Amino acid sequence: HCLKSDAPCGRAVPAIAATVFQKGRDWQFFSPGYRA
């Protein structure tokens, strides 16, 4: 999500973030609930 240029967290993402995503090890998933 943050590697997208239009995402709120997507400004000036360093190259290391893309490398971490590509390795597929250290990930964080997030999903809303019914109340928040």
Full PDB file with SEQRES, HELIX, SHEET, SSBOND, CRYST1, ORIGX, SCALE, CONECT and MASTER records, all heavy atoms in Angstrom:
SEQRES   1 A   36  HIS CYS LEU LYS SER ASP ALA PRO CYS GLY ARG ALA VAL          
SEQRES   2 A   36  PRO ALA ILE ALA ALA THR VAL PHE GLN LYS GLY ARG ASP          
SEQRES   3 A   36  TRP GLN PHE PHE SER PRO GLY TYR ARG ALA                      
HELIX    1 AA1 ALA A   15  LYS A   23  1                                   9    
SSBOND   1 CYS A    2    CYS A    9                          1555   1555  2.08  
CRYST1    1.000    1.000    1.000  90.00  90.00  90.00 P 1           1          
ORIGX1      1.000000  0.000000  0.000000        0.00000                         
ORIGX2      0.000000  1.000000  0.000000        0.00000                         
ORIGX3      0.000000  0.000000  1.000000        0.00000                         
SCALE1      1.000000  0.000000  0.000000        0.00000                         
SCALE2      0.000000  1.000000  0.000000        0.00000                         
SCALE3      0.000000  0.000000  1.000000        0.00000                         
ATOM      1  N   HIS A   1       0.824  -1.202   0.000  1.00  0.00           N  
ATOM      2  CA  HIS A   1       0.000   0.000   0.000  1.00  0.00           C  
ATOM      3  C   HIS A   1       0.863   1.259   0.000  1.00  0.00           C  
ATOM      4  O   HIS A   1       0.622   2.199  -0.776  1.00  0.00           O  
ATOM      5  CB  HIS A   1      -0.908  -0.018   1.236  1.00  0.00           C  
ATOM      6  CG  HIS A   1      -1.769   1.189   1.391  1.00  0.00           C  
ATOM      7  ND1 HIS A   1      -2.926   1.373   0.664  1.00  0.00           N  
ATOM      8  CD2 HIS A   1      -1.645   2.286   2.179  1.00  0.00           C  
ATOM      9  CE1 HIS A   1      -3.476   2.524   1.004  1.00  0.00           C  
ATOM     10  NE2 HIS A   1      -2.725   3.095   1.918  1.00  0.00           N  
ATOM     11  N   CYS A   2       1.897   1.288   0.837  1.00  0.00           N  
ATOM     12  CA  CYS A   2       2.727   2.490   0.960  1.00  0.00           C  
ATOM     13  C   CYS A   2       3.669   2.685  -0.225  1.00  0.00           C  
ATOM     14  O   CYS A   2       4.221   3.767  -0.395  1.00  0.00           O  
ATOM     15  CB  CYS A   2       3.517   2.447   2.265  1.00  0.00           C  
ATOM     16  SG  CYS A   2       2.501   2.590   3.751  1.00  0.00           S  
ATOM     17  N   LEU A   3       3.846   1.659  -1.042  1.00  0.00           N  
ATOM     18  CA  LEU A   3       4.656   1.813  -2.248  1.00  0.00           C  
ATOM     19  C   LEU A   3       3.891   2.499  -3.371  1.00  0.00           C  
ATOM     20  O   LEU A   3       4.471   2.836  -4.404  1.00  0.00           O  
ATOM     21  CB  LEU A   3       5.164   0.443  -2.716  1.00  0.00           C  
ATOM     22  CG  LEU A   3       6.288  -0.159  -1.857  1.00  0.00           C  
ATOM     23  CD1 LEU A   3       6.537  -1.608  -2.224  1.00  0.00           C  
ATOM     24  CD2 LEU A   3       7.569   0.659  -1.995  1.00  0.00           C  
ATOM     25  N   LYS A   4       2.584   2.693  -3.181  1.00  0.00           N  
ATOM     26  CA  LYS A   4       1.794   3.426  -4.160  1.00  0.00           C  
ATOM     27  C   LYS A   4       2.027   4.913  -3.979  1.00  0.00           C  
ATOM     28  O   LYS A   4       1.964   5.430  -2.864  1.00  0.00           O  
ATOM     29  CB  LYS A   4       0.304   3.098  -3.999  1.00  0.00           C  
ATOM     30  CG  LYS A   4      -0.032   1.623  -4.168  1.00  0.00           C  
ATOM     31  CD  LYS A   4      -1.494   1.369  -3.838  1.00  0.00           C  
ATOM     32  CE  LYS A   4      -1.839  -0.099  -3.928  1.00  0.00           C  
ATOM     33  NZ  LYS A   4      -3.248  -0.371  -3.508  1.00  0.00           N  
ATOM     34  N   SER A   5       2.259   5.618  -5.063  1.00  0.00           N  
ATOM     35  CA  SER A   5       2.605   7.042  -4.974  1.00  0.00           C  
ATOM     36  C   SER A   5       1.461   7.889  -4.443  1.00  0.00           C  
ATOM     37  O   SER A   5       1.687   8.947  -3.856  1.00  0.00           O  
ATOM     38  CB  SER A   5       3.027   7.562  -6.350  1.00  0.00           C  
ATOM     39  OG  SER A   5       1.974   7.386  -7.298  1.00  0.00           O  
ATOM     40  N   ASP A   6       0.218   7.430  -4.623  1.00  0.00           N  
ATOM     41  CA  ASP A   6      -0.916   8.235  -4.191  1.00  0.00           C  
ATOM     42  C   ASP A   6      -1.401   7.865  -2.790  1.00  0.00           C  
ATOM     43  O   ASP A   6      -2.392   8.419  -2.309  1.00  0.00           O  
ATOM     44  CB  ASP A   6      -2.082   8.096  -5.182  1.00  0.00           C  
ATOM     45  CG  ASP A   6      -2.539   6.646  -5.336  1.00  0.00           C  
ATOM     46  OD1 ASP A   6      -1.784   5.741  -4.932  1.00  0.00           O  
ATOM     47  OD2 ASP A   6      -3.647   6.430  -5.865  1.00  0.00           O  
ATOM     48  N   ALA A   7      -0.724   6.943  -2.114  1.00  0.00           N  
ATOM     49  CA  ALA A   7      -1.122   6.543  -0.768  1.00  0.00           C  
ATOM     50  C   ALA A   7      -0.679   7.602   0.236  1.00  0.00           C  
ATOM     51  O   ALA A   7       0.339   8.272   0.036  1.00  0.00           O  
ATOM     52  CB  ALA A   7      -0.519   5.193  -0.408  1.00  0.00           C  
ATOM     53  N   PRO A   8      -1.429   7.790   1.341  1.00  0.00           N  
ATOM     54  CA  PRO A   8      -1.026   8.769   2.367  1.00  0.00           C  
ATOM     55  C   PRO A   8       0.369   8.508   2.917  1.00  0.00           C  
ATOM     56  O   PRO A   8       1.063   9.432   3.311  1.00  0.00           O  
ATOM     57  CB  PRO A   8      -2.094   8.590   3.452  1.00  0.00           C  
ATOM     58  CG  PRO A   8      -3.281   8.027   2.743  1.00  0.00           C  
ATOM     59  CD  PRO A   8      -2.724   7.158   1.648  1.00  0.00           C  
ATOM     60  N   CYS A   9       0.790   7.240   2.925  1.00  0.00           N  
ATOM     61  CA  CYS A   9       2.123   6.900   3.444  1.00  0.00           C  
ATOM     62  C   CYS A   9       3.124   6.689   2.319  1.00  0.00           C  
ATOM     63  O   CYS A   9       4.220   6.168   2.552  1.00  0.00           O  
ATOM     64  CB  CYS A   9       2.038   5.640   4.303  1.00  0.00           C  
ATOM     65  SG  CYS A   9       1.255   4.228   3.462  1.00  0.00           S  
ATOM     66  N   GLY A  10       2.779   7.081   1.091  1.00  0.00           N  
ATOM     67  CA  GLY A  10       3.584   6.732  -0.058  1.00  0.00           C  
ATOM     68  C   GLY A  10       4.539   7.790  -0.546  1.00  0.00           C  
ATOM     69  O   GLY A  10       4.988   7.726  -1.692  1.00  0.00           O  
ATOM     70  N   ARG A  11       4.865   8.769   0.264  1.00  0.00           N  
ATOM     71  CA  ARG A  11       5.788   9.811  -0.174  1.00  0.00           C  
ATOM     72  C   ARG A  11       7.216   9.460   0.224  1.00  0.00           C  
ATOM     73  O   ARG A  11       7.500   9.112   1.359  1.00  0.00           O  
ATOM     74  CB  ARG A  11       5.403  11.152   0.462  1.00  0.00           C  
ATOM     75  CG  ARG A  11       4.006  11.619   0.088  1.00  0.00           C  
ATOM     76  CD  ARG A  11       3.651  12.906   0.800  1.00  0.00           C  
ATOM     77  NE  ARG A  11       2.266  13.311   0.537  1.00  0.00           N  
ATOM     78  CZ  ARG A  11       1.667  14.342   1.123  1.00  0.00           C  
ATOM     79  NH1 ARG A  11       2.340  15.070   2.005  1.00  0.00           N  
ATOM     80  NH2 ARG A  11       0.418  14.635   0.832  1.00  0.00           N  
ATOM     81  N   ALA A  12       8.110   9.560  -0.724  1.00  0.00           N  
ATOM     82  CA  ALA A  12       9.548   9.370  -0.489  1.00  0.00           C  
ATOM     83  C   ALA A  12       9.861   8.027   0.154  1.00  0.00           C  
ATOM     84  O   ALA A  12      10.685   7.940   1.064  1.00  0.00           O  
ATOM     85  CB  ALA A  12      10.090  10.522   0.370  1.00  0.00           C  
ATOM     86  N   VAL A  13       9.224   6.983  -0.307  1.00  0.00           N  
ATOM     87  CA  VAL A  13       9.507   5.644   0.221  1.00  0.00           C  
ATOM     88  C   VAL A  13      10.883   5.206  -0.269  1.00  0.00           C  
ATOM     89  O   VAL A  13      11.150   5.208  -1.466  1.00  0.00           O  
ATOM     90  CB  VAL A  13       8.434   4.642  -0.236  1.00  0.00           C  
ATOM     91  CG1 VAL A  13       8.782   3.237   0.241  1.00  0.00           C  
ATOM     92  CG2 VAL A  13       7.060   5.056   0.293  1.00  0.00           C  
ATOM     93  N   PRO A  14      11.797   4.817   0.627  1.00  0.00           N  
ATOM     94  CA  PRO A  14      13.145   4.434   0.200  1.00  0.00           C  
ATOM     95  C   PRO A  14      13.151   3.089  -0.513  1.00  0.00           C  
ATOM     96  O   PRO A  14      12.228   2.286  -0.384  1.00  0.00           O  
ATOM     97  CB  PRO A  14      13.922   4.359   1.525  1.00  0.00           C  
ATOM     98  CG  PRO A  14      12.881   4.027   2.533  1.00  0.00           C  
ATOM     99  CD  PRO A  14      11.631   4.733   2.088  1.00  0.00           C  
ATOM    100  N   ALA A  15      14.213   2.824  -1.220  1.00  0.00           N  
ATOM    101  CA  ALA A  15      14.315   1.586  -1.993  1.00  0.00           C  
ATOM    102  C   ALA A  15      14.246   0.355  -1.112  1.00  0.00           C  
ATOM    103  O   ALA A  15      13.771  -0.698  -1.549  1.00  0.00           O  
ATOM    104  CB  ALA A  15      15.625   1.597  -2.783  1.00  0.00           C  
ATOM    105  N   ILE A  16      14.685   0.463   0.130  1.00  0.00           N  
ATOM    106  CA  ILE A  16      14.704  -0.699   1.008  1.00  0.00           C  
ATOM    107  C   ILE A  16      13.296  -1.231   1.271  1.00  0.00           C  
ATOM    108  O   ILE A  16      13.101  -2.431   1.482  1.00  0.00           O  
ATOM    109  CB  ILE A  16      15.419  -0.366   2.339  1.00  0.00           C  
ATOM    110  CG1 ILE A  16      15.796  -1.663   3.066  1.00  0.00           C  
ATOM    111  CG2 ILE A  16      14.585   0.540   3.215  1.00  0.00           C  
ATOM    112  CD1 ILE A  16      16.738  -1.445   4.231  1.00  0.00           C  
ATOM    113  N   ALA A  17      12.284  -0.348   1.228  1.00  0.00           N  
ATOM    114  CA  ALA A  17      10.910  -0.797   1.444  1.00  0.00           C  
ATOM    115  C   ALA A  17      10.462  -1.719   0.320  1.00  0.00           C  
ATOM    116  O   ALA A  17       9.806  -2.742   0.561  1.00  0.00           O  
ATOM    117  CB  ALA A  17       9.978   0.404   1.558  1.00  0.00           C  
ATOM    118  N   ALA A  18      10.804  -1.376  -0.909  1.00  0.00           N  
ATOM    119  CA  ALA A  18      10.453  -2.233  -2.036  1.00  0.00           C  
ATOM    120  C   ALA A  18      11.177  -3.570  -1.946  1.00  0.00           C  
ATOM    121  O   ALA A  18      10.611  -4.624  -2.268  1.00  0.00           O  
ATOM    122  CB  ALA A  18      10.797  -1.529  -3.349  1.00  0.00           C  
ATOM    123  N   THR A  19      12.417  -3.543  -1.484  1.00  0.00           N  
ATOM    124  CA  THR A  19      13.179  -4.785  -1.337  1.00  0.00           C  
ATOM    125  C   THR A  19      12.555  -5.699  -0.299  1.00  0.00           C  
ATOM    126  O   THR A  19      12.440  -6.910  -0.507  1.00  0.00           O  
ATOM    127  CB  THR A  19      14.633  -4.462  -0.945  1.00  0.00           C  
ATOM    128  OG1 THR A  19      15.220  -3.638  -1.952  1.00  0.00           O  
ATOM    129  CG2 THR A  19      15.453  -5.728  -0.793  1.00  0.00           C  
ATOM    130  N   VAL A  20      12.140  -5.121   0.826  1.00  0.00           N  
ATOM    131  CA  VAL A  20      11.502  -5.907   1.881  1.00  0.00           C  
ATOM    132  C   VAL A  20      10.212  -6.536   1.373  1.00  0.00           C  
ATOM    133  O   VAL A  20       9.917  -7.704   1.641  1.00  0.00           O  
ATOM    134  CB  VAL A  20      11.242  -5.038   3.123  1.00  0.00           C  
ATOM    135  CG1 VAL A  20      10.443  -5.811   4.169  1.00  0.00           C  
ATOM    136  CG2 VAL A  20      12.547  -4.557   3.730  1.00  0.00           C  
ATOM    137  N   PHE A  21       9.425  -5.764   0.622  1.00  0.00           N  
ATOM    138  CA  PHE A  21       8.180  -6.313   0.086  1.00  0.00           C  
ATOM    139  C   PHE A  21       8.445  -7.468  -0.866  1.00  0.00           C  
ATOM    140  O   PHE A  21       7.782  -8.511  -0.814  1.00  0.00           O  
ATOM    141  CB  PHE A  21       7.383  -5.216  -0.624  1.00  0.00           C  
ATOM    142  CG  PHE A  21       6.159  -5.748  -1.328  1.00  0.00           C  
ATOM    143  CD1 PHE A  21       5.076  -6.220  -0.609  1.00  0.00           C  
ATOM    144  CD2 PHE A  21       6.109  -5.801  -2.713  1.00  0.00           C  
ATOM    145  CE1 PHE A  21       3.958  -6.733  -1.250  1.00  0.00           C  
ATOM    146  CE2 PHE A  21       5.001  -6.308  -3.361  1.00  0.00           C  
ATOM    147  CZ  PHE A  21       3.923  -6.768  -2.630  1.00  0.00           C  
ATOM    148  N   GLN A  22       9.439  -7.305  -1.716  1.00  0.00           N  
ATOM    149  CA  GLN A  22       9.748  -8.342  -2.701  1.00  0.00           C  
ATOM    150  C   GLN A  22      10.236  -9.630  -2.042  1.00  0.00           C  
ATOM    151  O   GLN A  22       9.956 -10.723  -2.530  1.00  0.00           O  
ATOM    152  CB  GLN A  22      10.788  -7.808  -3.687  1.00  0.00           C  
ATOM    153  CG  GLN A  22      10.251  -6.726  -4.610  1.00  0.00           C  
ATOM    154  CD  GLN A  22      11.348  -5.942  -5.307  1.00  0.00           C  
ATOM    155  OE1 GLN A  22      12.538  -6.259  -5.158  1.00  0.00           O  
ATOM    156  NE2 GLN A  22      10.982  -4.919  -6.066  1.00  0.00           N  
ATOM    157  N   LYS A  23      10.937  -9.517  -0.931  1.00  0.00           N  
ATOM    158  CA  LYS A  23      11.411 -10.708  -0.231  1.00  0.00           C  
ATOM    159  C   LYS A  23      10.255 -11.494   0.387  1.00  0.00           C  
ATOM    160  O   LYS A  23      10.379 -12.696   0.617  1.00  0.00           O  
ATOM    161  CB  LYS A  23      12.423 -10.322   0.843  1.00  0.00           C  
ATOM    162  CG  LYS A  23      13.782  -9.923   0.277  1.00  0.00           C  
ATOM    163  CD  LYS A  23      14.788  -9.676   1.390  1.00  0.00           C  
ATOM    164  CE  LYS A  23      16.172  -9.394   0.823  1.00  0.00           C  
ATOM    165  NZ  LYS A  23      17.174  -9.170   1.890  1.00  0.00           N  
ATOM    166  N   GLY A  24       9.157 -10.805   0.709  1.00  0.00           N  
ATOM    167  CA  GLY A  24       7.965 -11.490   1.181  1.00  0.00           C  
ATOM    168  C   GLY A  24       8.053 -12.036   2.588  1.00  0.00           C  
ATOM    169  O   GLY A  24       7.284 -12.928   2.946  1.00  0.00           O  
ATOM    170  N   ARG A  25       8.958 -11.519   3.376  1.00  0.00           N  
ATOM    171  CA  ARG A  25       9.097 -12.060   4.733  1.00  0.00           C  
ATOM    172  C   ARG A  25       8.394 -11.179   5.770  1.00  0.00           C  
ATOM    173  O   ARG A  25       7.496 -11.642   6.475  1.00  0.00           O  
ATOM    174  CB  ARG A  25      10.580 -12.216   5.093  1.00  0.00           C  
ATOM    175  CG  ARG A  25      11.318 -13.196   4.189  1.00  0.00           C  
ATOM    176  CD  ARG A  25      12.715 -13.487   4.695  1.00  0.00           C  
ATOM    177  NE  ARG A  25      13.566 -12.292   4.763  1.00  0.00           N  
ATOM    178  CZ  ARG A  25      14.837 -12.306   5.116  1.00  0.00           C  
ATOM    179  NH1 ARG A  25      15.419 -13.450   5.453  1.00  0.00           N  
ATOM    180  NH2 ARG A  25      15.551 -11.199   5.140  1.00  0.00           N  
ATOM    181  N   ASP A  26       8.823  -9.935   5.871  1.00  0.00           N  
ATOM    182  CA  ASP A  26       8.355  -9.041   6.938  1.00  0.00           C  
ATOM    183  C   ASP A  26       7.198  -8.186   6.432  1.00  0.00           C  
ATOM    184  O   ASP A  26       7.390  -7.076   5.937  1.00  0.00           O  
ATOM    185  CB  ASP A  26       9.510  -8.169   7.421  1.00  0.00           C  
ATOM    186  CG  ASP A  26      10.729  -9.009   7.780  1.00  0.00           C  
ATOM    187  OD1 ASP A  26      10.607  -9.833   8.691  1.00  0.00           O  
ATOM    188  OD2 ASP A  26      11.786  -8.848   7.132  1.00  0.00           O  
ATOM    189  N   TRP A  27       6.007  -8.701   6.587  1.00  0.00           N  
ATOM    190  CA  TRP A  27       4.815  -8.027   6.080  1.00  0.00           C  
ATOM    191  C   TRP A  27       3.890  -7.632   7.222  1.00  0.00           C  
ATOM    192  O   TRP A  27       3.936  -8.212   8.311  1.00  0.00           O  
ATOM    193  CB  TRP A  27       4.056  -8.941   5.118  1.00  0.00           C  
ATOM    194  CG  TRP A  27       4.650  -9.020   3.742  1.00  0.00           C  
ATOM    195  CD1 TRP A  27       5.723  -8.332   3.251  1.00  0.00           C  
ATOM    196  CD2 TRP A  27       4.188  -9.851   2.667  1.00  0.00           C  
ATOM    197  NE1 TRP A  27       5.956  -8.673   1.945  1.00  0.00           N  
ATOM    198  CE2 TRP A  27       5.033  -9.606   1.549  1.00  0.00           C  
ATOM    199  CE3 TRP A  27       3.150 -10.769   2.521  1.00  0.00           C  
ATOM    200  CZ2 TRP A  27       4.870 -10.237   0.324  1.00  0.00           C  
ATOM    201  CZ3 TRP A  27       2.983 -11.414   1.306  1.00  0.00           C  
ATOM    202  CH2 TRP A  27       3.823 -11.145   0.211  1.00  0.00           C  
ATOM    203  N   GLN A  28       3.056  -6.642   6.930  1.00  0.00           N  
ATOM    204  CA  GLN A  28       1.968  -6.260   7.830  1.00  0.00           C  
ATOM    205  C   GLN A  28       0.688  -6.168   7.006  1.00  0.00           C  
ATOM    206  O   GLN A  28       0.625  -5.395   6.048  1.00  0.00           O  
ATOM    207  CB  GLN A  28       2.238  -4.913   8.510  1.00  0.00           C  
ATOM    208  CG  GLN A  28       3.400  -4.912   9.483  1.00  0.00           C  
ATOM    209  CD  GLN A  28       3.486  -3.639  10.319  1.00  0.00           C  
ATOM    210  OE1 GLN A  28       2.478  -2.984  10.592  1.00  0.00           O  
ATOM    211  NE2 GLN A  28       4.693  -3.286  10.732  1.00  0.00           N  
ATOM    212  N   PHE A  29      -0.303  -6.956   7.377  1.00  0.00           N  
ATOM    213  CA  PHE A  29      -1.634  -6.870   6.773  1.00  0.00           C  
ATOM    214  C   PHE A  29      -2.537  -6.070   7.704  1.00  0.00           C  
ATOM    215  O   PHE A  29      -2.378  -6.129   8.933  1.00  0.00           O  
ATOM    216  CB  PHE A  29      -2.240  -8.264   6.580  1.00  0.00           C  
ATOM    217  CG  PHE A  29      -1.512  -9.135   5.596  1.00  0.00           C  
ATOM    218  CD1 PHE A  29      -0.501  -9.991   6.012  1.00  0.00           C  
ATOM    219  CD2 PHE A  29      -1.844  -9.116   4.251  1.00  0.00           C  
ATOM    220  CE1 PHE A  29       0.166 -10.810   5.114  1.00  0.00           C  
ATOM    221  CE2 PHE A  29      -1.176  -9.922   3.338  1.00  0.00           C  
ATOM    222  CZ  PHE A  29      -0.170 -10.772   3.773  1.00  0.00           C  
ATOM    223  N   PHE A  30      -3.492  -5.343   7.138  1.00  0.00           N  
ATOM    224  CA  PHE A  30      -4.452  -4.632   7.989  1.00  0.00           C  
ATOM    225  C   PHE A  30      -5.826  -4.644   7.331  1.00  0.00           C  
ATOM    226  O   PHE A  30      -5.953  -4.617   6.109  1.00  0.00           O  
ATOM    227  CB  PHE A  30      -3.996  -3.198   8.274  1.00  0.00           C  
ATOM    228  CG  PHE A  30      -3.891  -2.297   7.069  1.00  0.00           C  
ATOM    229  CD1 PHE A  30      -4.912  -1.405   6.756  1.00  0.00           C  
ATOM    230  CD2 PHE A  30      -2.767  -2.328   6.255  1.00  0.00           C  
ATOM    231  CE1 PHE A  30      -4.815  -0.566   5.652  1.00  0.00           C  
ATOM    232  CE2 PHE A  30      -2.655  -1.495   5.142  1.00  0.00           C  
ATOM    233  CZ  PHE A  30      -3.685  -0.607   4.840  1.00  0.00           C  
ATOM    234  N   SER A  31      -6.862  -4.698   8.173  1.00  0.00           N  
ATOM    235  CA  SER A  31      -8.231  -4.780   7.686  1.00  0.00           C  
ATOM    236  C   SER A  31      -9.162  -4.127   8.699  1.00  0.00           C  
ATOM    237  O   SER A  31      -8.956  -4.257   9.913  1.00  0.00           O  
ATOM    238  CB  SER A  31      -8.632  -6.242   7.468  1.00  0.00           C  
ATOM    239  OG  SER A  31      -9.944  -6.342   6.953  1.00  0.00           O  
ATOM    240  N   PRO A  32     -10.198  -3.413   8.263  1.00  0.00           N  
ATOM    241  CA  PRO A  32     -11.109  -2.743   9.196  1.00  0.00           C  
ATOM    242  C   PRO A  32     -12.022  -3.725   9.906  1.00  0.00           C  
ATOM    243  O   PRO A  32     -12.152  -4.888   9.520  1.00  0.00           O  
ATOM    244  CB  PRO A  32     -11.909  -1.805   8.290  1.00  0.00           C  
ATOM    245  CG  PRO A  32     -11.909  -2.486   6.963  1.00  0.00           C  
ATOM    246  CD  PRO A  32     -10.566  -3.161   6.856  1.00  0.00           C  
ATOM    247  N   GLY A  33     -12.666  -3.231  10.948  1.00  0.00           N  
ATOM    248  CA  GLY A  33     -13.713  -3.973  11.628  1.00  0.00           C  
ATOM    249  C   GLY A  33     -15.040  -3.283  11.413  1.00  0.00           C  
ATOM    250  O   GLY A  33     -15.118  -2.225  10.783  1.00  0.00           O  
ATOM    251  N   TYR A  34     -16.097  -3.861  11.945  1.00  0.00           N  
ATOM    252  CA  TYR A  34     -17.419  -3.274  11.760  1.00  0.00           C  
ATOM    253  C   TYR A  34     -17.567  -1.950  12.517  1.00  0.00           C  
ATOM    254  O   TYR A  34     -18.356  -1.097  12.133  1.00  0.00           O  
ATOM    255  CB  TYR A  34     -18.504  -4.239  12.238  1.00  0.00           C  
ATOM    256  CG  TYR A  34     -18.596  -5.509  11.428  1.00  0.00           C  
ATOM    257  CD1 TYR A  34     -18.838  -6.729  12.048  1.00  0.00           C  
ATOM    258  CD2 TYR A  34     -18.428  -5.507  10.045  1.00  0.00           C  
ATOM    259  CE1 TYR A  34     -18.925  -7.901  11.319  1.00  0.00           C  
ATOM    260  CE2 TYR A  34     -18.507  -6.666   9.314  1.00  0.00           C  
ATOM    261  CZ  TYR A  34     -18.755  -7.865   9.952  1.00  0.00           C  
ATOM    262  OH  TYR A  34     -18.832  -9.030   9.231  1.00  0.00           O  
ATOM    263  N   ARG A  35     -16.798  -1.779  13.587  1.00  0.00           N  
ATOM    264  CA  ARG A  35     -16.970  -0.583  14.417  1.00  0.00           C  
ATOM    265  C   ARG A  35     -15.876   0.457  14.244  1.00  0.00           C  
ATOM    266  O   ARG A  35     -15.974   1.547  14.811  1.00  0.00           O  
ATOM    267  CB  ARG A  35     -17.064  -0.994  15.893  1.00  0.00           C  
ATOM    268  CG  ARG A  35     -18.309  -1.813  16.196  1.00  0.00           C  
ATOM    269  CD  ARG A  35     -18.406  -2.180  17.665  1.00  0.00           C  
ATOM    270  NE  ARG A  35     -18.478  -1.003  18.523  1.00  0.00           N  
ATOM    271  CZ  ARG A  35     -18.578  -1.076  19.849  1.00  0.00           C  
ATOM    272  NH1 ARG A  35     -18.589  -2.246  20.450  1.00  0.00           N  
ATOM    273  NH2 ARG A  35     -18.645   0.025  20.567  1.00  0.00           N  
ATOM    274  N   ALA A  36     -14.843   0.137  13.487  1.00  0.00           N  
ATOM    275  CA  ALA A  36     -13.777   1.119  13.263  1.00  0.00           C  
ATOM    276  C   ALA A  36     -13.034   0.777  11.981  1.00  0.00           C  
ATOM    277  O   ALA A  36     -12.781  -0.397  11.697  1.00  0.00           O  
ATOM    278  CB  ALA A  36     -12.808   1.155  14.444  1.00  0.00           C  
TER     279      ALA A  36                                                      
CONECT   16   65                                                                
CONECT   65   16                                                                
MASTER        0    0    0    1    0    0    0    6  278    1    2    3          
END                                                                             
